[in-house]
Amino acid sequence: MNKYETVFILTPVLSDEQTKETVAKFKKVLADKGAEIVNEEAWGLKKLAYQIEKKTSGFYFLIEFNAEPAVIKTLETAYRRDEKVIRFQTVKLDKYAAEYAEKRRSKLGKKEEA
């Protein structure tokens, strides 16, 4: 199994409940295909660098997971089919990126405890 990280941006006009449902739907896609979700982060509403579909902001989410390569195609198809997703990107983490992600997670964990 490979380590992956996916970031997706949702349209800013969604309610809190709608964003949670959408994120849960993508997590279910991963779980149904046997992926192990390692970490998830809601980065919140952020301003976009440039307009996308006449929108200047969006809700950013990050999910780190372990999965087989075939899962990525299914996940990205789900992103493309959902009109709430403005943009997405999924990358395979090499050993250095995986180490960095783990350090970042541990730093976030320490901040939340304090």
C-alpha atoms as a PDB file:
ATOM      1  CA  MET A   1       0.000   0.000   0.000  1.00  0.00           C
ATOM      2  CA  ASN A   2       1.181   3.482  -0.855  1.00  0.00           C
ATOM      3  CA  LYS A   3       0.822   6.675   1.131  1.00  0.00           C
ATOM      4  CA  TYR A   4      -1.249   9.423  -0.468  1.00  0.00           C
ATOM      5  CA  GLU A   5      -2.393  12.906   0.360  1.00  0.00           C
ATOM      6  CA  THR A   6      -5.396  14.568  -1.253  1.00  0.00           C
ATOM      7  CA  VAL A   7      -6.481  18.185  -0.988  1.00  0.00           C
ATOM      8  CA  PHE A   8      -9.802  19.364  -2.319  1.00  0.00           C
ATOM      9  CA  ILE A   9     -11.595  22.705  -2.368  1.00  0.00           C
ATOM     10  CA  LEU A  10     -15.354  22.937  -1.910  1.00  0.00           C
ATOM     11  CA  THR A  11     -17.537  25.789  -3.067  1.00  0.00           C
ATOM     12  CA  PRO A  12     -17.967  28.476  -0.359  1.00  0.00           C
ATOM     13  CA  VAL A  13     -21.788  28.660  -0.556  1.00  0.00           C
ATOM     14  CA  LEU A  14     -22.288  25.365   1.325  1.00  0.00           C
ATOM     15  CA  SER A  15     -23.600  25.200   4.868  1.00  0.00           C
ATOM     16  CA  ASP A  16     -21.563  23.572   7.626  1.00  0.00           C
ATOM     17  CA  GLU A  17     -23.728  20.478   7.437  1.00  0.00           C
ATOM     18  CA  GLN A  18     -23.356  20.194   3.655  1.00  0.00           C
ATOM     19  CA  THR A  19     -19.559  20.426   3.849  1.00  0.00           C
ATOM     20  CA  LYS A  20     -19.435  17.735   6.546  1.00  0.00           C
ATOM     21  CA  GLU A  21     -21.668  15.468   4.449  1.00  0.00           C
ATOM     22  CA  THR A  22     -19.480  15.981   1.379  1.00  0.00           C
ATOM     23  CA  VAL A  23     -16.259  15.236   3.269  1.00  0.00           C
ATOM     24  CA  ALA A  24     -17.884  12.169   4.821  1.00  0.00           C
ATOM     25  CA  LYS A  25     -18.890  10.983   1.350  1.00  0.00           C
ATOM     26  CA  PHE A  26     -15.282  11.115   0.114  1.00  0.00           C
ATOM     27  CA  LYS A  27     -14.034   9.376   3.270  1.00  0.00           C
ATOM     28  CA  LYS A  28     -16.625   6.647   2.654  1.00  0.00           C
ATOM     29  CA  VAL A  29     -15.359   6.217  -0.918  1.00  0.00           C
ATOM     30  CA  LEU A  30     -11.879   5.630   0.506  1.00  0.00           C
ATOM     31  CA  ALA A  31     -13.089   3.295   3.260  1.00  0.00           C
ATOM     32  CA  ASP A  32     -15.210   1.245   0.850  1.00  0.00           C
ATOM     33  CA  LYS A  33     -12.141   0.620  -1.309  1.00  0.00           C
ATOM     34  CA  GLY A  34     -10.055  -0.523   1.671  1.00  0.00           C
ATOM     35  CA  ALA A  35      -8.025   2.641   2.227  1.00  0.00           C
ATOM     36  CA  GLU A  36      -6.796   3.468   5.718  1.00  0.00           C
ATOM     37  CA  ILE A  37      -7.306   7.144   6.588  1.00  0.00           C
ATOM     38  CA  VAL A  38      -4.294   8.352   8.567  1.00  0.00           C
ATOM     39  CA  ASN A  39      -5.129  12.021   9.052  1.00  0.00           C
ATOM     40  CA  GLU A  40      -7.699  14.578   8.022  1.00  0.00           C
ATOM     41  CA  GLU A  41      -7.632  18.325   8.406  1.00  0.00           C
ATOM     42  CA  ALA A  42     -10.180  21.012   7.683  1.00  0.00           C
ATOM     43  CA  TRP A  43      -8.204  24.094   6.713  1.00  0.00           C
ATOM     44  CA  GLY A  44     -11.339  26.208   6.551  1.00  0.00           C
ATOM     45  CA  LEU A  45     -12.435  28.987   4.254  1.00  0.00           C
ATOM     46  CA  LYS A  46      -9.505  30.529   2.389  1.00  0.00           C
ATOM     47  CA  LYS A  47      -9.131  33.071  -0.374  1.00  0.00           C
ATOM     48  CA  LEU A  48      -8.191  31.567  -3.726  1.00  0.00           C
ATOM     49  CA  ALA A  49      -5.124  32.803  -5.604  1.00  0.00           C
ATOM     50  CA  TYR A  50      -7.321  33.333  -8.678  1.00  0.00           C
ATOM     51  CA  GLN A  51     -11.003  33.055  -9.473  1.00  0.00           C
ATOM     52  CA  ILE A  52     -12.368  29.595 -10.197  1.00  0.00           C
ATOM     53  CA  GLU A  53     -15.895  29.421 -11.603  1.00  0.00           C
ATOM     54  CA  LYS A  54     -16.393  33.070 -10.536  1.00  0.00           C
ATOM     55  CA  LYS A  55     -15.586  32.208  -6.905  1.00  0.00           C
ATOM     56  CA  THR A  56     -12.851  33.907  -4.916  1.00  0.00           C
ATOM     57  CA  SER A  57     -12.798  31.622  -1.852  1.00  0.00           C
ATOM     58  CA  GLY A  58     -13.344  27.994  -0.944  1.00  0.00           C
ATOM     59  CA  PHE A  59     -13.294  25.448   1.889  1.00  0.00           C
ATOM     60  CA  TYR A  60     -10.014  23.511   1.904  1.00  0.00           C
ATOM     61  CA  PHE A  61      -9.718  19.927   3.192  1.00  0.00           C
ATOM     62  CA  LEU A  62      -6.766  17.531   3.427  1.00  0.00           C
ATOM     63  CA  ILE A  63      -6.940  13.764   3.818  1.00  0.00           C
ATOM     64  CA  GLU A  64      -3.869  11.536   4.234  1.00  0.00           C
ATOM     65  CA  PHE A  65      -4.402   7.848   3.611  1.00  0.00           C
ATOM     66  CA  ASN A  66      -2.788   4.515   2.760  1.00  0.00           C
ATOM     67  CA  ALA A  67      -4.268   2.706  -0.235  1.00  0.00           C
ATOM     68  CA  GLU A  68      -3.681   0.690  -3.357  1.00  0.00           C
ATOM     69  CA  PRO A  69      -3.101   2.722  -6.555  1.00  0.00           C
ATOM     70  CA  ALA A  70      -6.464   1.693  -8.056  1.00  0.00           C
ATOM     71  CA  VAL A  71      -8.294   3.608  -5.302  1.00  0.00           C
ATOM     72  CA  ILE A  72      -7.061   6.945  -6.646  1.00  0.00           C
ATOM     73  CA  LYS A  73      -8.989   6.625  -9.899  1.00  0.00           C
ATOM     74  CA  THR A  74     -12.214   5.913  -8.005  1.00  0.00           C
ATOM     75  CA  LEU A  75     -11.661   8.842  -5.634  1.00  0.00           C
ATOM     76  CA  GLU A  76     -10.889  11.309  -8.417  1.00  0.00           C
ATOM     77  CA  THR A  77     -13.947  10.137 -10.358  1.00  0.00           C
ATOM     78  CA  ALA A  78     -16.038  10.905  -7.260  1.00  0.00           C
ATOM     79  CA  TYR A  79     -14.453  14.385  -7.113  1.00  0.00           C
ATOM     80  CA  ARG A  80     -15.268  15.032 -10.767  1.00  0.00           C
ATOM     81  CA  ARG A  81     -18.881  13.923 -10.352  1.00  0.00           C
ATOM     82  CA  ASP A  82     -19.537  16.192  -7.363  1.00  0.00           C
ATOM     83  CA  GLU A  83     -20.452  19.727  -8.388  1.00  0.00           C
ATOM     84  CA  LYS A  84     -19.481  21.048  -4.938  1.00  0.00           C
ATOM     85  CA  VAL A  85     -15.777  20.351  -5.621  1.00  0.00           C
ATOM     86  CA  ILE A  86     -13.993  23.265  -7.286  1.00  0.00           C
ATOM     87  CA  ARG A  87     -10.498  21.721  -7.461  1.00  0.00           C
ATOM     88  CA  PHE A  88      -8.658  18.684  -6.139  1.00  0.00           C
ATOM     89  CA  GLN A  89      -5.195  17.199  -6.174  1.00  0.00           C
ATOM     90  CA  THR A  90      -3.965  13.810  -5.008  1.00  0.00           C
ATOM     91  CA  VAL A  91      -0.266  13.036  -4.657  1.00  0.00           C
ATOM     92  CA  LYS A  92       1.683   9.940  -3.718  1.00  0.00           C
ATOM     93  CA  LEU A  93       4.027  10.642  -0.811  1.00  0.00           C
ATOM     94  CA  ASP A  94       7.607   9.488  -1.129  1.00  0.00           C
ATOM     95  CA  LYS A  95       9.528   8.612   2.033  1.00  0.00           C
ATOM     96  CA  TYR A  96      10.650  12.214   2.627  1.00  0.00           C
ATOM     97  CA  ALA A  97       7.172  13.646   2.185  1.00  0.00           C
ATOM     98  CA  ALA A  98       5.763  10.957   4.472  1.00  0.00           C
ATOM     99  CA  GLU A  99       8.318  11.863   7.164  1.00  0.00           C
ATOM    100  CA  TYR A 100       7.457  15.553   6.800  1.00  0.00           C
ATOM    101  CA  ALA A 101       3.716  14.808   7.032  1.00  0.00           C
ATOM    102  CA  GLU A 102       4.280  12.816  10.213  1.00  0.00           C
ATOM    103  CA  LYS A 103       6.314  15.653  11.777  1.00  0.00           C
ATOM    104  CA  ARG A 104       3.597  18.136  10.808  1.00  0.00           C
ATOM    105  CA  ARG A 105       0.915  15.903  12.368  1.00  0.00           C
ATOM    106  CA  SER A 106       2.870  15.595  15.606  1.00  0.00           C
ATOM    107  CA  LYS A 107       3.313  19.380  15.780  1.00  0.00           C
ATOM    108  CA  LEU A 108      -0.417  19.878  15.232  1.00  0.00           C
ATOM    109  CA  GLY A 109      -1.142  17.337  17.953  1.00  0.00           C
ATOM    110  CA  LYS A 110       1.059  19.208  20.417  1.00  0.00           C
ATOM    111  CA  LYS A 111      -0.633  22.522  19.601  1.00  0.00           C
ATOM    112  CA  GLU A 112      -4.089  21.024  20.157  1.00  0.00           C
ATOM    113  CA  GLU A 113      -3.039  19.605  23.553  1.00  0.00           C
ATOM    114  CA  ALA A 114      -1.747  22.979  24.776  1.00  0.00           C
END
